[in-house]
Amino acid sequence: MFDFSWVDFNLFEVTYDVVVFVVGITAVLAALGVILCSSPIYCALYLIGHMMCLALLFLLYHAEFIAAVQIIVYAGAVMILFLFIIALLGGKKEKQEFSFHKFMALGFVGILSAELMLSARVGKTQPVEGMFTPAKITEVGSAKAVGIELFSRHLVPFELASILLLVAAVGVICLAKFPLKPLRRRAR
C-alpha cells in the first residue's frame, strides 16, 4: 500500500495558514474595492469589510483586545457615522477615470500584496526576546486593566470625547438637513 510516514505536517497548522492567507487576500480585495469603487456608499461598505478582515487577523494572531476595539470603534462607530454622513449628504457616483493617483494606489496595493506573498514564502518569524515575556505582559496589563484604568481615572476625558463626537454628529445632521439660503425680507 501507500506509505505516508514521510509526510510530517500538522493539519491544524496548515489549516491555520490557509485561513490567515484567505482572510489576508480578502482584506486586500476589500481595500481594492475601496479604491476602485465609484459609489461612496459601496466604498464605505468595502472599508467596513476590510476592517472586519483586519479584526479577524488580529483574532488569529491572539490579539483579542485589539480585534474587539477594531470592530467596536472603527467598524462599528466610525464607519456607521461615515455611512450616515454619506447618506445625509447624498453620495454621488463619480466618473471613473484613470489618474496618476489611482495608479499610485494600485501600485501600493500591488507592493503590499507582493510583501504578503513574500512573507508567506519566508515562513514564521521568531518572537522578540525579552520584550514581550508573560511577566511583562502581566505587569503592563490586560483588557480588564485597560478598562478599569479608562473608566476610573480617565472617565471625564472619555465622556468629554463622547460628547464631542455627539455634538459633531448633530452638527452634520443639522448642516445636511437645512440648506443655507439667504433670508429675504418681506416687503410691506
Protein backbone atom coordinates (compact mmCIF):
# COMPACT_ATOMS: atom_id res chain seq x y z
CA MET A 1 0.00 0.00 0.00
CA PHE A 2 0.95 3.63 0.36
CA ASP A 3 3.44 4.74 2.97
CA PHE A 4 2.68 8.23 4.23
CA SER A 5 5.23 8.20 7.04
CA TRP A 6 7.36 10.74 5.15
CA VAL A 7 4.55 13.27 5.43
CA ASP A 8 5.13 15.13 8.68
CA PHE A 9 2.74 18.02 8.92
CA ASN A 10 0.23 19.17 11.39
CA LEU A 11 -3.21 19.58 9.86
CA PHE A 12 -4.06 22.40 12.26
CA GLU A 13 -1.02 24.44 11.22
CA VAL A 14 -1.81 24.01 7.53
CA THR A 15 -5.46 24.94 8.08
CA TYR A 16 -4.42 27.94 10.20
CA ASP A 17 -2.06 29.16 7.48
CA VAL A 18 -4.75 28.74 4.81
CA VAL A 19 -7.28 30.69 6.89
CA VAL A 20 -4.77 33.50 7.53
CA PHE A 21 -3.96 33.63 3.82
CA VAL A 22 -7.63 33.68 2.76
CA VAL A 23 -8.51 36.42 5.27
CA GLY A 24 -5.46 38.42 4.16
CA ILE A 25 -6.38 38.13 0.48
CA THR A 26 -9.96 39.13 1.33
CA ALA A 27 -8.63 42.20 3.16
CA VAL A 28 -6.56 43.15 0.12
CA LEU A 29 -9.55 42.66 -2.20
CA ALA A 30 -11.74 44.80 0.07
CA ALA A 31 -9.06 47.50 0.04
CA LEU A 32 -9.06 47.34 -3.77
CA GLY A 33 -12.84 47.71 -3.66
CA VAL A 34 -12.44 50.89 -1.59
CA ILE A 35 -10.04 52.33 -4.13
CA LEU A 36 -11.78 51.25 -7.34
CA CYS A 37 -15.46 51.65 -6.47
CA SER A 38 -17.18 54.80 -7.72
CA SER A 39 -20.08 54.86 -5.26
CA PRO A 40 -19.25 56.33 -1.83
CA ILE A 41 -21.74 54.03 -0.07
CA TYR A 42 -20.10 50.93 -1.55
CA CYS A 43 -16.65 52.32 -0.73
CA ALA A 44 -17.67 52.68 2.91
CA LEU A 45 -19.10 49.14 2.92
CA TYR A 46 -15.88 47.80 1.40
CA LEU A 47 -13.97 49.64 4.12
CA ILE A 48 -16.15 48.01 6.80
CA GLY A 49 -15.39 44.62 5.22
CA HIS A 50 -11.69 45.45 5.23
CA MET A 51 -11.82 46.39 8.91
CA MET A 52 -13.64 43.15 9.71
CA CYS A 53 -10.88 41.20 7.94
CA LEU A 54 -8.28 43.07 9.97
CA ALA A 55 -10.16 42.20 13.15
CA LEU A 56 -10.16 38.54 12.08
CA LEU A 57 -6.42 38.70 11.50
CA PHE A 58 -5.98 40.19 14.97
CA LEU A 59 -8.03 37.33 16.39
CA LEU A 60 -5.97 34.76 14.51
CA TYR A 61 -2.80 36.28 15.97
CA HIS A 62 -4.25 36.17 19.52
CA ALA A 63 -4.75 39.92 19.92
CA GLU A 64 -8.34 39.76 21.13
CA PHE A 65 -8.44 43.22 22.69
CA ILE A 66 -7.25 44.93 19.51
CA ALA A 67 -9.77 42.91 17.48
CA ALA A 68 -12.60 43.99 19.77
CA VAL A 69 -11.51 47.64 19.59
CA GLN A 70 -11.22 47.34 15.79
CA ILE A 71 -14.80 46.11 15.50
CA ILE A 72 -16.40 48.32 18.15
CA VAL A 73 -14.64 51.60 17.41
CA TYR A 74 -13.75 51.55 13.74
CA ALA A 75 -16.16 49.18 12.02
CA GLY A 76 -18.95 49.87 14.47
CA ALA A 77 -18.91 53.52 15.38
CA VAL A 78 -16.76 55.45 12.94
CA MET A 79 -17.86 53.71 9.75
CA ILE A 80 -21.55 53.79 10.66
CA LEU A 81 -21.12 57.53 11.27
CA PHE A 82 -19.49 57.81 7.83
CA LEU A 83 -22.41 55.92 6.27
CA PHE A 84 -24.91 58.28 7.93
CA ILE A 85 -22.97 61.31 6.72
CA ILE A 86 -22.78 59.94 3.18
CA ALA A 87 -26.50 59.14 3.24
CA LEU A 88 -27.40 62.58 4.56
CA LEU A 89 -25.19 64.48 2.15
CA GLY A 90 -26.24 62.35 -0.81
CA GLY A 91 -23.34 60.31 -2.08
CA LYS A 92 -22.98 60.76 -5.82
CA LYS A 93 -21.19 58.40 -8.13
CA GLU A 94 -18.02 59.78 -9.57
CA LYS A 95 -16.75 59.23 -13.07
CA GLN A 96 -14.16 56.51 -13.38
CA GLU A 97 -11.07 57.94 -14.92
CA PHE A 98 -7.58 56.62 -14.66
CA SER A 99 -5.31 59.12 -12.98
CA PHE A 100 -1.81 59.14 -11.57
CA HIS A 101 -3.20 58.90 -8.03
CA LYS A 102 -5.12 55.72 -8.81
CA PHE A 103 -2.03 54.30 -10.48
CA MET A 104 -0.02 55.04 -7.33
CA ALA A 105 -2.71 53.48 -5.13
CA LEU A 106 -2.81 50.33 -7.27
CA GLY A 107 0.98 50.18 -7.22
CA PHE A 108 0.95 50.46 -3.43
CA VAL A 109 -1.63 47.66 -3.12
CA GLY A 110 0.46 45.57 -5.54
CA ILE A 111 3.57 46.10 -3.43
CA LEU A 112 1.67 45.15 -0.27
CA SER A 113 0.34 42.03 -1.98
CA ALA A 114 3.85 41.10 -3.07
CA GLU A 115 5.03 41.62 0.51
CA LEU A 116 2.23 39.34 1.73
CA MET A 117 3.28 36.66 -0.74
CA LEU A 118 6.91 37.07 0.29
CA SER A 119 6.10 36.79 3.97
CA ALA A 120 4.06 33.65 3.30
CA ARG A 121 7.04 32.24 1.42
CA VAL A 122 9.60 33.11 4.11
CA GLY A 123 7.70 31.43 6.92
CA LYS A 124 7.11 32.18 10.55
CA THR A 125 9.09 34.83 12.36
CA GLN A 126 10.66 34.42 15.76
CA PRO A 127 9.35 36.42 18.71
CA VAL A 128 11.38 39.31 20.07
CA GLU A 129 13.37 38.06 23.04
CA GLY A 130 12.99 39.73 26.41
CA MET A 131 10.47 42.37 25.40
CA PHE A 132 7.12 40.56 25.48
CA THR A 133 7.52 37.90 28.14
CA PRO A 134 4.43 36.72 30.02
CA ALA A 135 5.67 38.51 33.15
CA LYS A 136 5.99 41.79 31.25
CA ILE A 137 2.51 41.43 29.75
CA THR A 138 1.10 40.77 33.23
CA GLU A 139 2.91 43.86 34.52
CA VAL A 140 1.60 46.08 31.69
CA GLY A 141 -1.95 44.81 31.91
CA SER A 142 -4.75 43.17 30.04
CA ALA A 143 -8.01 44.40 28.56
CA LYS A 144 -9.55 44.36 32.04
CA ALA A 145 -6.75 46.57 33.38
CA VAL A 146 -7.20 49.00 30.47
CA GLY A 147 -10.97 49.16 31.11
CA ILE A 148 -10.54 49.76 34.84
CA GLU A 149 -7.98 52.50 34.17
CA LEU A 150 -10.12 54.10 31.46
CA PHE A 151 -13.36 54.14 33.44
CA SER A 152 -11.88 55.09 36.80
CA ARG A 153 -9.09 57.65 36.44
CA HIS A 154 -9.87 58.84 32.90
CA LEU A 155 -13.66 58.88 32.96
CA VAL A 156 -14.05 62.66 32.45
CA PRO A 157 -11.86 62.86 29.29
CA PHE A 158 -13.60 59.74 27.94
CA GLU A 159 -17.04 61.30 28.44
CA LEU A 160 -15.88 64.64 27.01
CA ALA A 161 -14.68 62.88 23.88
CA SER A 162 -18.03 61.09 23.52
CA ILE A 163 -19.91 64.40 23.95
CA LEU A 164 -17.66 66.00 21.32
CA LEU A 165 -18.47 63.20 18.86
CA LEU A 166 -22.18 63.53 19.61
CA VAL A 167 -22.11 67.30 19.01
CA ALA A 168 -20.22 66.75 15.74
CA ALA A 169 -22.81 64.20 14.57
CA VAL A 170 -25.71 66.53 15.44
CA GLY A 171 -23.92 69.39 13.66
CA VAL A 172 -23.52 67.34 10.50
CA ILE A 173 -27.18 66.36 10.57
CA CYS A 174 -28.24 69.99 11.04
CA LEU A 175 -25.98 71.19 8.23
CA ALA A 176 -27.19 68.47 5.88
CA LYS A 177 -30.87 68.81 6.69
CA PHE A 178 -31.24 72.57 6.48
CA PRO A 179 -29.50 74.13 3.48
CA LEU A 180 -28.17 77.61 3.93
CA LYS A 181 -30.31 80.01 1.94
CA PRO A 182 -30.24 83.75 2.40
CA LEU A 183 -33.31 85.08 4.12
CA ARG A 184 -35.41 87.51 2.09
CA ARG A 185 -37.16 90.31 3.80
CA ARG A 186 -40.80 90.71 3.20
CA ALA A 187 -41.86 93.93 1.61
CA ARG A 188 -44.68 95.75 3.35
